[in-house]
Amino acid sequence: EQEEQEEQDYEEQEYIEIIGKIITVDAGKFNTFEIKDEDGRTHKVLWLTYVDNDDLLEEAKKGKIAYVFTTMELDIYDPRIGEYRNMLILDRIDTKQE
């Protein structure tokens, strides 16, 4: 029963779209992008898994034009603080339609 619940939780994953430009890239243990959205807010997004349309990332990293970044919210354990943190994980990237 717990396995069914975990599967259901996974399928109900929250996807969040951010339309904006990558302003910084931190290539630490995992690539982290700081994306500034159209309202001027910044979002830290981790690149941990396979990304749909990842061929667009090289161009997006230049930060010249806005893209649509689809992210998932996941609770990831942060050993520095000894607890789980809500993080945005990059799922796909698309060109922004005008």
C-alpha atoms as a PDB file:
ATOM      1  CA  GLU A   1       0.000   0.000   0.000  1.00  0.00           C
ATOM      2  CA  GLN A   2       2.849   2.402   0.800  1.00  0.00           C
ATOM      3  CA  GLU A   3       4.382   1.681  -2.616  1.00  0.00           C
ATOM      4  CA  GLU A   4       1.069   2.622  -4.273  1.00  0.00           C
ATOM      5  CA  GLN A   5       0.994   5.866  -2.293  1.00  0.00           C
ATOM      6  CA  GLU A   6       4.582   6.728  -3.304  1.00  0.00           C
ATOM      7  CA  GLU A   7       3.741   6.051  -6.941  1.00  0.00           C
ATOM      8  CA  GLN A   8       0.662   8.273  -6.673  1.00  0.00           C
ATOM      9  CA  ASP A   9       2.716  11.052  -5.019  1.00  0.00           C
ATOM     10  CA  TYR A  10       5.239  10.832  -7.876  1.00  0.00           C
ATOM     11  CA  GLU A  11       2.513  11.078 -10.523  1.00  0.00           C
ATOM     12  CA  GLU A  12       1.033  14.138  -8.799  1.00  0.00           C
ATOM     13  CA  GLN A  13       4.366  15.946  -9.030  1.00  0.00           C
ATOM     14  CA  GLU A  14       4.044  19.719  -9.134  1.00  0.00           C
ATOM     15  CA  TYR A  15       5.497  21.250 -12.276  1.00  0.00           C
ATOM     16  CA  ILE A  16       6.391  24.918 -12.226  1.00  0.00           C
ATOM     17  CA  GLU A  17       7.108  26.910 -15.382  1.00  0.00           C
ATOM     18  CA  ILE A  18       9.612  29.736 -15.185  1.00  0.00           C
ATOM     19  CA  ILE A  19       9.969  32.042 -18.177  1.00  0.00           C
ATOM     20  CA  GLY A  20      13.260  33.852 -17.972  1.00  0.00           C
ATOM     21  CA  LYS A  21      16.992  33.995 -18.584  1.00  0.00           C
ATOM     22  CA  ILE A  22      19.845  32.150 -16.916  1.00  0.00           C
ATOM     23  CA  ILE A  23      21.936  34.773 -15.124  1.00  0.00           C
ATOM     24  CA  THR A  24      24.489  32.528 -13.386  1.00  0.00           C
ATOM     25  CA  VAL A  25      25.690  28.947 -13.704  1.00  0.00           C
ATOM     26  CA  ASP A  26      27.332  27.239 -10.734  1.00  0.00           C
ATOM     27  CA  ALA A  27      29.106  24.075 -11.845  1.00  0.00           C
ATOM     28  CA  GLY A  28      29.659  22.596  -8.390  1.00  0.00           C
ATOM     29  CA  LYS A  29      28.831  18.978  -7.606  1.00  0.00           C
ATOM     30  CA  PHE A  30      25.666  19.532  -9.644  1.00  0.00           C
ATOM     31  CA  ASN A  31      24.973  22.334 -12.091  1.00  0.00           C
ATOM     32  CA  THR A  32      22.811  25.020 -10.526  1.00  0.00           C
ATOM     33  CA  PHE A  33      21.254  27.739 -12.637  1.00  0.00           C
ATOM     34  CA  GLU A  34      20.030  31.045 -11.308  1.00  0.00           C
ATOM     35  CA  ILE A  35      17.141  32.106 -13.533  1.00  0.00           C
ATOM     36  CA  LYS A  36      15.660  35.598 -13.504  1.00  0.00           C
ATOM     37  CA  ASP A  37      11.987  35.487 -14.487  1.00  0.00           C
ATOM     38  CA  GLU A  38      10.001  38.142 -16.339  1.00  0.00           C
ATOM     39  CA  ASP A  39       8.901  39.696 -13.005  1.00  0.00           C
ATOM     40  CA  GLY A  40      12.513  40.155 -11.892  1.00  0.00           C
ATOM     41  CA  ARG A  41      12.461  37.317  -9.322  1.00  0.00           C
ATOM     42  CA  THR A  42      15.367  34.877  -9.253  1.00  0.00           C
ATOM     43  CA  HIS A  43      15.013  31.122  -8.898  1.00  0.00           C
ATOM     44  CA  LYS A  44      17.744  28.557  -8.171  1.00  0.00           C
ATOM     45  CA  VAL A  45      17.235  25.467 -10.297  1.00  0.00           C
ATOM     46  CA  LEU A  46      19.267  22.237 -10.074  1.00  0.00           C
ATOM     47  CA  TRP A  47      20.133  20.147 -13.119  1.00  0.00           C
ATOM     48  CA  LEU A  48      20.124  16.621 -11.657  1.00  0.00           C
ATOM     49  CA  THR A  49      18.323  14.405 -14.153  1.00  0.00           C
ATOM     50  CA  TYR A  50      17.724  14.007 -17.875  1.00  0.00           C
ATOM     51  CA  VAL A  51      16.308  17.240 -19.330  1.00  0.00           C
ATOM     52  CA  ASP A  52      13.979  17.255 -22.341  1.00  0.00           C
ATOM     53  CA  ASN A  53      15.425  19.474 -25.098  1.00  0.00           C
ATOM     54  CA  ASP A  54      18.772  19.690 -23.261  1.00  0.00           C
ATOM     55  CA  ASP A  55      20.434  20.777 -26.526  1.00  0.00           C
ATOM     56  CA  LEU A  56      18.923  24.235 -25.838  1.00  0.00           C
ATOM     57  CA  LEU A  57      20.821  24.536 -22.547  1.00  0.00           C
ATOM     58  CA  GLU A  58      24.141  25.579 -24.110  1.00  0.00           C
ATOM     59  CA  GLU A  59      22.475  28.567 -25.769  1.00  0.00           C
ATOM     60  CA  ALA A  60      20.352  29.306 -22.692  1.00  0.00           C
ATOM     61  CA  LYS A  61      23.473  29.404 -20.476  1.00  0.00           C
ATOM     62  CA  LYS A  62      24.652  32.446 -22.450  1.00  0.00           C
ATOM     63  CA  GLY A  63      21.723  34.349 -20.893  1.00  0.00           C
ATOM     64  CA  LYS A  64      20.898  36.386 -23.998  1.00  0.00           C
ATOM     65  CA  ILE A  65      17.292  35.300 -24.555  1.00  0.00           C
ATOM     66  CA  ALA A  66      14.454  34.004 -22.382  1.00  0.00           C
ATOM     67  CA  TYR A  67      13.406  30.372 -22.381  1.00  0.00           C
ATOM     68  CA  VAL A  68      10.613  28.394 -20.723  1.00  0.00           C
ATOM     69  CA  PHE A  69      12.103  26.248 -17.951  1.00  0.00           C
ATOM     70  CA  THR A  70       9.814  23.522 -16.592  1.00  0.00           C
ATOM     71  CA  THR A  71      10.838  22.483 -13.092  1.00  0.00           C
ATOM     72  CA  MET A  72       9.712  19.992 -10.451  1.00  0.00           C
ATOM     73  CA  GLU A  73       9.602  20.778  -6.742  1.00  0.00           C
ATOM     74  CA  LEU A  74      11.340  18.074  -4.715  1.00  0.00           C
ATOM     75  CA  ASP A  75      12.371  17.761  -1.077  1.00  0.00           C
ATOM     76  CA  ILE A  76      16.104  17.054  -1.174  1.00  0.00           C
ATOM     77  CA  TYR A  77      18.238  16.263   1.863  1.00  0.00           C
ATOM     78  CA  ASP A  78      20.834  18.944   2.560  1.00  0.00           C
ATOM     79  CA  PRO A  79      23.605  17.516   4.758  1.00  0.00           C
ATOM     80  CA  ARG A  80      24.916  21.021   5.576  1.00  0.00           C
ATOM     81  CA  ILE A  81      21.764  21.831   7.549  1.00  0.00           C
ATOM     82  CA  GLY A  82      20.779  18.236   8.369  1.00  0.00           C
ATOM     83  CA  GLU A  83      17.270  18.440   6.936  1.00  0.00           C
ATOM     84  CA  TYR A  84      15.268  18.376   3.727  1.00  0.00           C
ATOM     85  CA  ARG A  85      14.942  21.494   1.575  1.00  0.00           C
ATOM     86  CA  ASN A  86      12.418  22.241  -1.124  1.00  0.00           C
ATOM     87  CA  MET A  87      14.399  22.530  -4.381  1.00  0.00           C
ATOM     88  CA  LEU A  88      13.507  23.178  -8.005  1.00  0.00           C
ATOM     89  CA  ILE A  89      14.812  20.515 -10.401  1.00  0.00           C
ATOM     90  CA  LEU A  90      15.027  21.236 -14.129  1.00  0.00           C
ATOM     91  CA  ASP A  91      12.786  18.892 -16.142  1.00  0.00           C
ATOM     92  CA  ARG A  92      12.678  20.482 -19.601  1.00  0.00           C
ATOM     93  CA  ILE A  93      13.564  23.615 -21.524  1.00  0.00           C
ATOM     94  CA  ASP A  94      11.664  25.119 -24.438  1.00  0.00           C
ATOM     95  CA  THR A  95      11.992  28.178 -26.612  1.00  0.00           C
ATOM     96  CA  LYS A  96       9.707  30.992 -25.576  1.00  0.00           C
ATOM     97  CA  GLN A  97       6.845  31.570 -27.997  1.00  0.00           C
ATOM     98  CA  GLU A  98       6.321  35.235 -28.805  1.00  0.00           C
END
